[in-house]
Amino acid sequence: MMERGIETCLVKKVGRYTEVCTNCNKEIPAGEFYYLEEGLKKHLHSLIARRVCSTCYTKYGERILIKEREK
């Protein structure tokens, strides 16, 4: 699913549309904060970029959420 070797980080965004958290499958309503995965040096296409709700981000943190993707 993800091309190996792309370094990513999670960036805080405000949703324009309803999104779904990749981690817990909870719906993220429009207007609420969520975290979008973006590539540091290379472009990460929006279709494979993960979206994480504020609850999961607070509970697990960026390092754990990104590390799960690398497995």
N, C-alpha and C. Protein backbone atom coordinates (compact mmCIF):
# COMPACT_ATOMS: atom_id res chain seq x y z
N MET A 1 0.82 -1.19 0.00
CA MET A 1 0.00 0.00 0.00
C MET A 1 0.87 1.25 0.00
N MET A 2 1.86 1.30 0.86
CA MET A 2 2.74 2.47 0.89
C MET A 2 4.08 2.10 0.26
N GLU A 3 4.59 2.97 -0.54
CA GLU A 3 5.89 2.77 -1.14
C GLU A 3 6.95 2.83 -0.04
N ARG A 4 7.82 1.86 0.01
CA ARG A 4 8.85 1.82 1.04
C ARG A 4 9.82 2.98 0.87
N GLY A 5 10.27 3.53 2.00
CA GLY A 5 11.26 4.57 1.97
C GLY A 5 10.71 5.99 2.03
N ILE A 6 9.41 6.15 2.04
CA ILE A 6 8.84 7.49 2.15
C ILE A 6 8.70 7.83 3.63
N GLU A 7 9.39 8.88 4.05
CA GLU A 7 9.27 9.34 5.43
C GLU A 7 8.04 10.22 5.52
N THR A 8 7.23 9.99 6.56
CA THR A 8 6.00 10.75 6.71
C THR A 8 5.87 11.37 8.09
N CYS A 9 4.96 12.30 8.20
CA CYS A 9 4.61 12.91 9.49
C CYS A 9 3.11 13.20 9.45
N LEU A 10 2.54 13.49 10.61
CA LEU A 10 1.12 13.82 10.69
C LEU A 10 0.97 15.33 10.88
N VAL A 11 0.13 15.94 10.06
CA VAL A 11 -0.07 17.39 10.07
C VAL A 11 -1.51 17.68 10.49
N LYS A 12 -1.68 18.61 11.42
CA LYS A 12 -3.00 18.97 11.92
C LYS A 12 -3.77 19.76 10.86
N LYS A 13 -5.00 19.34 10.60
CA LYS A 13 -5.86 19.98 9.60
C LYS A 13 -7.26 20.16 10.18
N VAL A 14 -8.03 21.03 9.56
CA VAL A 14 -9.45 21.18 9.87
C VAL A 14 -10.22 20.58 8.70
N GLY A 15 -11.10 19.65 8.99
CA GLY A 15 -11.82 18.95 7.93
C GLY A 15 -12.84 19.81 7.21
N ARG A 16 -12.81 19.79 5.91
CA ARG A 16 -13.83 20.46 5.10
C ARG A 16 -15.01 19.53 4.88
N TYR A 17 -14.70 18.24 4.86
CA TYR A 17 -15.70 17.21 4.61
C TYR A 17 -15.62 16.19 5.74
N THR A 18 -16.60 15.33 5.82
CA THR A 18 -16.57 14.24 6.79
C THR A 18 -15.48 13.25 6.37
N GLU A 19 -14.63 12.89 7.30
CA GLU A 19 -13.55 11.94 7.06
C GLU A 19 -13.75 10.74 7.99
N VAL A 20 -12.96 9.69 7.79
CA VAL A 20 -13.00 8.52 8.65
C VAL A 20 -11.59 8.26 9.17
N CYS A 21 -11.47 8.06 10.48
CA CYS A 21 -10.17 7.79 11.09
C CYS A 21 -9.66 6.43 10.62
N THR A 22 -8.44 6.38 10.15
CA THR A 22 -7.84 5.15 9.68
C THR A 22 -7.56 4.19 10.82
N ASN A 23 -7.34 4.71 12.00
CA ASN A 23 -6.99 3.89 13.15
C ASN A 23 -8.20 3.24 13.81
N CYS A 24 -9.24 4.03 14.11
CA CYS A 24 -10.39 3.50 14.88
C CYS A 24 -11.69 3.44 14.07
N ASN A 25 -11.68 3.89 12.83
CA ASN A 25 -12.85 3.91 11.94
C ASN A 25 -13.98 4.81 12.42
N LYS A 26 -13.68 5.73 13.32
CA LYS A 26 -14.66 6.70 13.81
C LYS A 26 -14.80 7.82 12.78
N GLU A 27 -16.02 8.32 12.63
CA GLU A 27 -16.28 9.41 11.70
C GLU A 27 -15.77 10.72 12.28
N ILE A 28 -15.07 11.51 11.46
CA ILE A 28 -14.57 12.82 11.85
C ILE A 28 -15.43 13.85 11.12
N PRO A 29 -16.32 14.56 11.85
CA PRO A 29 -17.22 15.53 11.19
C PRO A 29 -16.46 16.71 10.58
N ALA A 30 -17.07 17.32 9.58
CA ALA A 30 -16.49 18.52 8.97
C ALA A 30 -16.37 19.61 10.02
N GLY A 31 -15.28 20.36 9.98
CA GLY A 31 -15.05 21.44 10.92
C GLY A 31 -14.23 21.05 12.14
N GLU A 32 -13.99 19.75 12.34
CA GLU A 32 -13.19 19.29 13.47
C GLU A 32 -11.75 19.05 13.03
N PHE A 33 -10.84 19.09 14.00
CA PHE A 33 -9.43 18.83 13.72
C PHE A 33 -9.18 17.34 13.52
N TYR A 34 -8.28 17.03 12.61
CA TYR A 34 -7.79 15.67 12.42
C TYR A 34 -6.34 15.79 11.96
N TYR A 35 -5.66 14.68 11.84
CA TYR A 35 -4.25 14.68 11.45
C TYR A 35 -4.11 13.91 10.14
N LEU A 36 -3.49 14.54 9.17
CA LEU A 36 -3.30 13.97 7.84
C LEU A 36 -1.84 13.59 7.66
N GLU A 37 -1.60 12.41 7.13
CA GLU A 37 -0.24 11.95 6.88
C GLU A 37 0.30 12.62 5.61
N GLU A 38 1.48 13.20 5.71
CA GLU A 38 2.13 13.83 4.56
C GLU A 38 3.58 13.38 4.47
N GLY A 39 4.11 13.32 3.27
CA GLY A 39 5.50 12.96 3.06
C GLY A 39 6.42 14.12 3.41
N LEU A 40 7.58 13.79 3.98
CA LEU A 40 8.54 14.83 4.34
C LEU A 40 9.33 15.30 3.12
N LYS A 41 9.84 14.37 2.34
CA LYS A 41 10.68 14.73 1.18
C LYS A 41 10.00 14.42 -0.14
N LYS A 42 9.11 13.43 -0.16
CA LYS A 42 8.40 13.05 -1.37
C LYS A 42 6.90 13.26 -1.16
N HIS A 43 6.21 13.45 -2.26
CA HIS A 43 4.75 13.63 -2.20
C HIS A 43 4.08 12.30 -1.86
N LEU A 44 3.16 12.33 -0.93
CA LEU A 44 2.36 11.16 -0.57
C LEU A 44 0.96 11.42 -1.08
N HIS A 45 0.50 10.63 -2.03
CA HIS A 45 -0.80 10.87 -2.66
C HIS A 45 -1.93 10.80 -1.64
N SER A 46 -2.90 11.66 -1.79
CA SER A 46 -4.01 11.76 -0.82
C SER A 46 -4.83 10.49 -0.72
N LEU A 47 -4.82 9.65 -1.75
CA LEU A 47 -5.59 8.40 -1.68
C LEU A 47 -4.98 7.38 -0.74
N ILE A 48 -3.66 7.45 -0.50
CA ILE A 48 -3.04 6.50 0.43
C ILE A 48 -2.66 7.15 1.76
N ALA A 49 -2.79 8.47 1.85
CA ALA A 49 -2.47 9.17 3.10
C ALA A 49 -3.53 8.85 4.15
N ARG A 50 -3.07 8.53 5.35
CA ARG A 50 -3.99 8.19 6.42
C ARG A 50 -4.51 9.44 7.10
N ARG A 51 -5.71 9.34 7.64
CA ARG A 51 -6.33 10.41 8.42
C ARG A 51 -6.57 9.85 9.82
N VAL A 52 -6.17 10.61 10.84
CA VAL A 52 -6.27 10.14 12.21
C VAL A 52 -7.04 11.17 13.03
N CYS A 53 -8.01 10.71 13.82
CA CYS A 53 -8.79 11.63 14.65
C CYS A 53 -7.94 12.15 15.81
N SER A 54 -8.39 13.24 16.41
CA SER A 54 -7.66 13.85 17.53
C SER A 54 -7.56 12.90 18.72
N THR A 55 -8.59 12.09 18.95
CA THR A 55 -8.59 11.14 20.07
C THR A 55 -7.47 10.11 19.92
N CYS A 56 -7.34 9.52 18.75
CA CYS A 56 -6.28 8.52 18.51
C CYS A 56 -4.90 9.18 18.57
N TYR A 57 -4.78 10.39 18.03
CA TYR A 57 -3.50 11.08 18.06
C TYR A 57 -3.08 11.36 19.49
N THR A 58 -4.02 11.80 20.33
CA THR A 58 -3.72 12.07 21.73
C THR A 58 -3.39 10.79 22.49
N LYS A 59 -4.13 9.73 22.19
CA LYS A 59 -3.97 8.46 22.90
C LYS A 59 -2.67 7.75 22.55
N TYR A 60 -2.31 7.70 21.25
CA TYR A 60 -1.16 6.92 20.79
C TYR A 60 0.06 7.76 20.44
N GLY A 61 -0.12 8.95 19.96
CA GLY A 61 0.99 9.80 19.54
C GLY A 61 1.44 9.51 18.12
N GLU A 62 2.16 10.45 17.56
CA GLU A 62 2.57 10.36 16.15
C GLU A 62 3.51 9.20 15.88
N ARG A 63 4.49 8.99 16.74
CA ARG A 63 5.48 7.93 16.50
C ARG A 63 4.84 6.55 16.38
N ILE A 64 3.91 6.23 17.28
CA ILE A 64 3.27 4.92 17.26
C ILE A 64 2.37 4.77 16.04
N LEU A 65 1.61 5.80 15.70
CA LEU A 65 0.71 5.73 14.56
C LEU A 65 1.45 5.58 13.24
N ILE A 66 2.56 6.28 13.10
CA ILE A 66 3.36 6.16 11.87
C ILE A 66 4.10 4.82 11.84
N LYS A 67 4.58 4.37 12.97
CA LYS A 67 5.32 3.11 13.04
C LYS A 67 4.44 1.93 12.65
N GLU A 68 3.14 1.95 13.01
CA GLU A 68 2.21 0.89 12.64
C GLU A 68 2.14 0.74 11.13
N ARG A 69 2.24 1.82 10.41
CA ARG A 69 2.17 1.81 8.95
C ARG A 69 3.36 1.08 8.34
N GLU A 70 4.52 1.20 8.98
CA GLU A 70 5.75 0.62 8.43
C GLU A 70 5.81 -0.89 8.56
N LYS A 71 4.99 -1.49 9.43
CA LYS A 71 5.01 -2.94 9.64
C LYS A 71 4.53 -3.71 8.46
